[in-house]
Amino acid sequence: MSVRLLTVILLLPLATAAQAADFDAEKFLAEKCSQCHDSSVYTRPDHKVQSLTALDNQVRRCDSMIGTKLFDEDINLLVDHLNTRYYHF
């Protein structure tokens, strides 16, 4: 294995962690999610999201619909933020 390839393999997790550390879920909600809906979608009694898995799936659908192409780590942070703030699964 070349030194260059080994360096990339070793540094990739650090780059991904740095990306995730820079992600601000609240800012993302305000700037992107609010383009389609307000926070009442998370708090209404008849919301369709009934589990953590469903929340993850919905965030991924929204990401796909608006074309933001979030990293998995950022989606996880967003799901965690939504769950902590609104859903409490």
N, C-alpha and C. Protein backbone atom coordinates (compact mmCIF):
# COMPACT_ATOMS: atom_id res chain seq x y z
N MET A 1 0.85 -1.17 0.00
CA MET A 1 0.00 0.00 0.00
C MET A 1 0.90 1.23 0.00
N SER A 2 0.57 2.20 -0.84
CA SER A 2 1.40 3.40 -0.93
C SER A 2 1.18 4.29 0.29
N VAL A 3 2.16 5.11 0.56
CA VAL A 3 2.09 6.04 1.68
C VAL A 3 0.95 7.03 1.48
N ARG A 4 0.76 7.46 0.26
CA ARG A 4 -0.31 8.43 -0.05
C ARG A 4 -1.68 7.81 0.24
N LEU A 5 -1.92 6.59 -0.21
CA LEU A 5 -3.19 5.93 0.03
C LEU A 5 -3.42 5.70 1.52
N LEU A 6 -2.38 5.28 2.21
CA LEU A 6 -2.47 5.06 3.65
C LEU A 6 -2.81 6.36 4.38
N THR A 7 -2.21 7.46 3.95
CA THR A 7 -2.48 8.77 4.55
C THR A 7 -3.95 9.16 4.35
N VAL A 8 -4.46 8.96 3.15
CA VAL A 8 -5.87 9.27 2.86
C VAL A 8 -6.78 8.41 3.73
N ILE A 9 -6.49 7.14 3.83
CA ILE A 9 -7.31 6.23 4.63
C ILE A 9 -7.31 6.66 6.10
N LEU A 10 -6.16 7.07 6.59
CA LEU A 10 -6.05 7.46 8.00
C LEU A 10 -6.68 8.82 8.27
N LEU A 11 -6.65 9.72 7.33
CA LEU A 11 -7.16 11.08 7.54
C LEU A 11 -8.63 11.23 7.21
N LEU A 12 -9.21 10.34 6.46
CA LEU A 12 -10.61 10.45 6.06
C LEU A 12 -11.56 10.55 7.25
N PRO A 13 -11.41 9.72 8.27
CA PRO A 13 -12.32 9.88 9.43
C PRO A 13 -12.19 11.24 10.10
N LEU A 14 -11.00 11.80 10.10
CA LEU A 14 -10.82 13.13 10.69
C LEU A 14 -11.52 14.20 9.88
N ALA A 15 -11.47 14.09 8.58
CA ALA A 15 -12.16 15.05 7.72
C ALA A 15 -13.66 14.95 7.89
N THR A 16 -14.16 13.73 8.00
CA THR A 16 -15.59 13.52 8.21
C THR A 16 -16.01 14.05 9.56
N ALA A 17 -15.21 13.83 10.59
CA ALA A 17 -15.52 14.34 11.93
C ALA A 17 -15.52 15.86 11.94
N ALA A 18 -14.60 16.45 11.22
CA ALA A 18 -14.55 17.91 11.15
C ALA A 18 -15.79 18.45 10.46
N GLN A 19 -16.24 17.79 9.40
CA GLN A 19 -17.45 18.20 8.71
C GLN A 19 -18.64 18.13 9.66
N ALA A 20 -18.77 17.04 10.38
CA ALA A 20 -19.88 16.87 11.31
C ALA A 20 -19.80 17.89 12.43
N ALA A 21 -18.61 18.19 12.90
CA ALA A 21 -18.45 19.15 13.99
C ALA A 21 -18.87 20.55 13.55
N ASP A 22 -18.74 20.87 12.27
CA ASP A 22 -19.11 22.17 11.75
C ASP A 22 -20.60 22.29 11.47
N PHE A 23 -21.32 21.19 11.47
CA PHE A 23 -22.73 21.21 11.13
C PHE A 23 -23.55 21.77 12.28
N ASP A 24 -24.38 22.76 12.01
CA ASP A 24 -25.25 23.38 13.00
C ASP A 24 -26.69 23.02 12.65
N ALA A 25 -27.25 22.06 13.38
CA ALA A 25 -28.59 21.55 13.07
C ALA A 25 -29.64 22.65 13.17
N GLU A 26 -29.56 23.48 14.19
CA GLU A 26 -30.56 24.55 14.36
C GLU A 26 -30.51 25.54 13.21
N LYS A 27 -29.30 25.89 12.79
CA LYS A 27 -29.13 26.81 11.66
C LYS A 27 -29.67 26.17 10.38
N PHE A 28 -29.40 24.87 10.20
CA PHE A 28 -29.89 24.16 9.02
C PHE A 28 -31.42 24.17 9.01
N LEU A 29 -32.04 23.91 10.15
CA LEU A 29 -33.50 23.94 10.24
C LEU A 29 -34.04 25.31 9.84
N ALA A 30 -33.42 26.35 10.35
CA ALA A 30 -33.87 27.71 10.07
C ALA A 30 -33.68 28.09 8.60
N GLU A 31 -32.58 27.67 8.02
CA GLU A 31 -32.26 28.09 6.66
C GLU A 31 -32.84 27.19 5.57
N LYS A 32 -32.93 25.90 5.83
CA LYS A 32 -33.35 24.97 4.79
C LYS A 32 -34.74 24.38 5.03
N CYS A 33 -34.94 23.81 6.20
CA CYS A 33 -36.20 23.11 6.47
C CYS A 33 -37.38 24.07 6.48
N SER A 34 -37.14 25.29 6.97
CA SER A 34 -38.23 26.27 7.05
C SER A 34 -38.66 26.79 5.69
N GLN A 35 -37.93 26.45 4.64
CA GLN A 35 -38.35 26.84 3.29
C GLN A 35 -39.62 26.09 2.89
N CYS A 36 -39.81 24.90 3.45
CA CYS A 36 -40.98 24.09 3.10
C CYS A 36 -42.04 24.08 4.20
N HIS A 37 -41.62 24.18 5.45
CA HIS A 37 -42.59 24.13 6.55
C HIS A 37 -42.02 24.80 7.80
N ASP A 38 -42.93 25.16 8.71
CA ASP A 38 -42.48 25.74 9.97
C ASP A 38 -42.41 24.66 11.04
N SER A 39 -42.05 25.04 12.26
CA SER A 39 -41.82 24.05 13.31
C SER A 39 -43.09 23.33 13.76
N SER A 40 -44.26 23.81 13.36
CA SER A 40 -45.50 23.12 13.75
C SER A 40 -45.57 21.71 13.17
N VAL A 41 -44.83 21.45 12.10
CA VAL A 41 -44.83 20.11 11.51
C VAL A 41 -44.25 19.09 12.49
N TYR A 42 -43.40 19.55 13.40
CA TYR A 42 -42.79 18.65 14.39
C TYR A 42 -43.66 18.46 15.63
N THR A 43 -44.53 19.42 15.90
CA THR A 43 -45.27 19.41 17.16
C THR A 43 -46.76 19.11 17.02
N ARG A 44 -47.26 19.04 15.81
CA ARG A 44 -48.70 18.79 15.67
C ARG A 44 -49.03 17.39 16.17
N PRO A 45 -50.20 17.22 16.76
CA PRO A 45 -50.57 15.93 17.37
C PRO A 45 -50.64 14.78 16.36
N ASP A 46 -50.97 15.08 15.12
CA ASP A 46 -51.15 14.02 14.12
C ASP A 46 -49.91 13.82 13.23
N HIS A 47 -48.71 14.16 13.75
CA HIS A 47 -47.52 14.03 12.90
C HIS A 47 -47.32 12.56 12.50
N LYS A 48 -46.81 12.39 11.29
CA LYS A 48 -46.65 11.06 10.72
C LYS A 48 -45.44 10.31 11.26
N VAL A 49 -44.47 11.02 11.76
CA VAL A 49 -43.25 10.40 12.27
C VAL A 49 -43.54 9.81 13.65
N GLN A 50 -43.44 8.49 13.74
CA GLN A 50 -43.80 7.80 14.98
C GLN A 50 -42.66 7.01 15.61
N SER A 51 -41.46 7.12 15.05
CA SER A 51 -40.31 6.40 15.61
C SER A 51 -39.02 7.09 15.16
N LEU A 52 -37.94 6.75 15.82
CA LEU A 52 -36.64 7.30 15.45
C LEU A 52 -36.25 6.89 14.04
N THR A 53 -36.57 5.67 13.66
CA THR A 53 -36.28 5.20 12.30
C THR A 53 -37.08 6.00 11.28
N ALA A 54 -38.34 6.25 11.59
CA ALA A 54 -39.19 7.04 10.68
C ALA A 54 -38.66 8.48 10.58
N LEU A 55 -38.16 9.02 11.68
CA LEU A 55 -37.59 10.37 11.66
C LEU A 55 -36.35 10.41 10.77
N ASP A 56 -35.48 9.42 10.92
CA ASP A 56 -34.29 9.34 10.08
C ASP A 56 -34.69 9.23 8.61
N ASN A 57 -35.66 8.40 8.31
CA ASN A 57 -36.12 8.24 6.93
C ASN A 57 -36.69 9.55 6.38
N GLN A 58 -37.46 10.26 7.20
CA GLN A 58 -38.06 11.52 6.74
C GLN A 58 -36.99 12.58 6.50
N VAL A 59 -36.01 12.67 7.37
CA VAL A 59 -34.93 13.64 7.17
C VAL A 59 -34.18 13.31 5.88
N ARG A 60 -33.96 12.04 5.62
CA ARG A 60 -33.28 11.65 4.39
C ARG A 60 -34.13 11.98 3.15
N ARG A 61 -35.44 11.80 3.25
CA ARG A 61 -36.32 12.17 2.14
C ARG A 61 -36.27 13.68 1.89
N CYS A 62 -36.34 14.45 2.96
CA CYS A 62 -36.27 15.91 2.81
C CYS A 62 -34.93 16.34 2.22
N ASP A 63 -33.85 15.73 2.69
CA ASP A 63 -32.52 16.03 2.16
C ASP A 63 -32.48 15.78 0.66
N SER A 64 -33.06 14.68 0.25
CA SER A 64 -33.11 14.33 -1.17
C SER A 64 -33.97 15.32 -1.95
N MET A 65 -35.11 15.70 -1.39
CA MET A 65 -36.04 16.60 -2.08
C MET A 65 -35.44 17.99 -2.30
N ILE A 66 -34.69 18.49 -1.31
CA ILE A 66 -34.14 19.84 -1.47
C ILE A 66 -32.72 19.83 -2.02
N GLY A 67 -32.16 18.63 -2.17
CA GLY A 67 -30.87 18.49 -2.84
C GLY A 67 -29.67 18.98 -2.05
N THR A 68 -29.74 18.92 -0.73
CA THR A 68 -28.61 19.39 0.07
C THR A 68 -27.49 18.36 0.17
N LYS A 69 -27.79 17.11 -0.05
CA LYS A 69 -26.78 16.05 -0.05
C LYS A 69 -25.94 16.04 1.23
N LEU A 70 -26.62 16.02 2.37
CA LEU A 70 -25.92 16.00 3.65
C LEU A 70 -25.13 14.72 3.82
N PHE A 71 -24.04 14.81 4.56
CA PHE A 71 -23.29 13.62 4.96
C PHE A 71 -24.12 12.85 5.97
N ASP A 72 -23.90 11.54 6.06
CA ASP A 72 -24.61 10.72 7.04
C ASP A 72 -24.44 11.27 8.46
N GLU A 73 -23.25 11.74 8.78
CA GLU A 73 -23.00 12.29 10.10
C GLU A 73 -23.86 13.52 10.38
N ASP A 74 -24.05 14.35 9.35
CA ASP A 74 -24.88 15.54 9.51
C ASP A 74 -26.35 15.16 9.64
N ILE A 75 -26.78 14.18 8.89
CA ILE A 75 -28.15 13.69 9.03
C ILE A 75 -28.37 13.16 10.43
N ASN A 76 -27.40 12.42 10.94
CA ASN A 76 -27.51 11.89 12.30
C ASN A 76 -27.61 13.02 13.32
N LEU A 77 -26.83 14.07 13.14
CA LEU A 77 -26.90 15.23 14.04
C LEU A 77 -28.25 15.92 13.95
N LEU A 78 -28.77 16.04 12.74
CA LEU A 78 -30.08 16.67 12.54
C LEU A 78 -31.19 15.83 13.17
N VAL A 79 -31.14 14.53 12.95
CA VAL A 79 -32.13 13.62 13.54
C VAL A 79 -32.05 13.71 15.06
N ASP A 80 -30.85 13.70 15.61
CA ASP A 80 -30.68 13.80 17.06
C ASP A 80 -31.24 15.12 17.58
N HIS A 81 -30.96 16.19 16.88
CA HIS A 81 -31.47 17.50 17.29
C HIS A 81 -33.00 17.53 17.28
N LEU A 82 -33.59 17.06 16.18
CA LEU A 82 -35.05 17.04 16.09
C LEU A 82 -35.66 16.15 17.17
N ASN A 83 -35.04 15.02 17.41
CA ASN A 83 -35.54 14.11 18.42
C ASN A 83 -35.44 14.72 19.83
N THR A 84 -34.32 15.33 20.12
CA THR A 84 -34.12 15.95 21.43
C THR A 84 -35.08 17.13 21.64
N ARG A 85 -35.25 17.92 20.62
CA ARG A 85 -36.06 19.13 20.74
C ARG A 85 -37.56 18.89 20.63
N TYR A 86 -37.96 17.97 19.75
CA TYR A 86 -39.39 17.82 19.46
C TYR A 86 -39.98 16.44 19.75
N TYR A 87 -39.35 15.39 19.28
CA TYR A 87 -40.00 14.09 19.24
C TYR A 87 -39.85 13.25 20.51
N HIS A 88 -38.67 13.19 21.08
CA HIS A 88 -38.40 12.45 22.32
C HIS A 88 -38.67 10.95 22.21
N PHE A 89 -38.16 10.33 21.17
CA PHE A 89 -38.31 8.87 21.02
C PHE A 89 -37.34 8.15 21.93
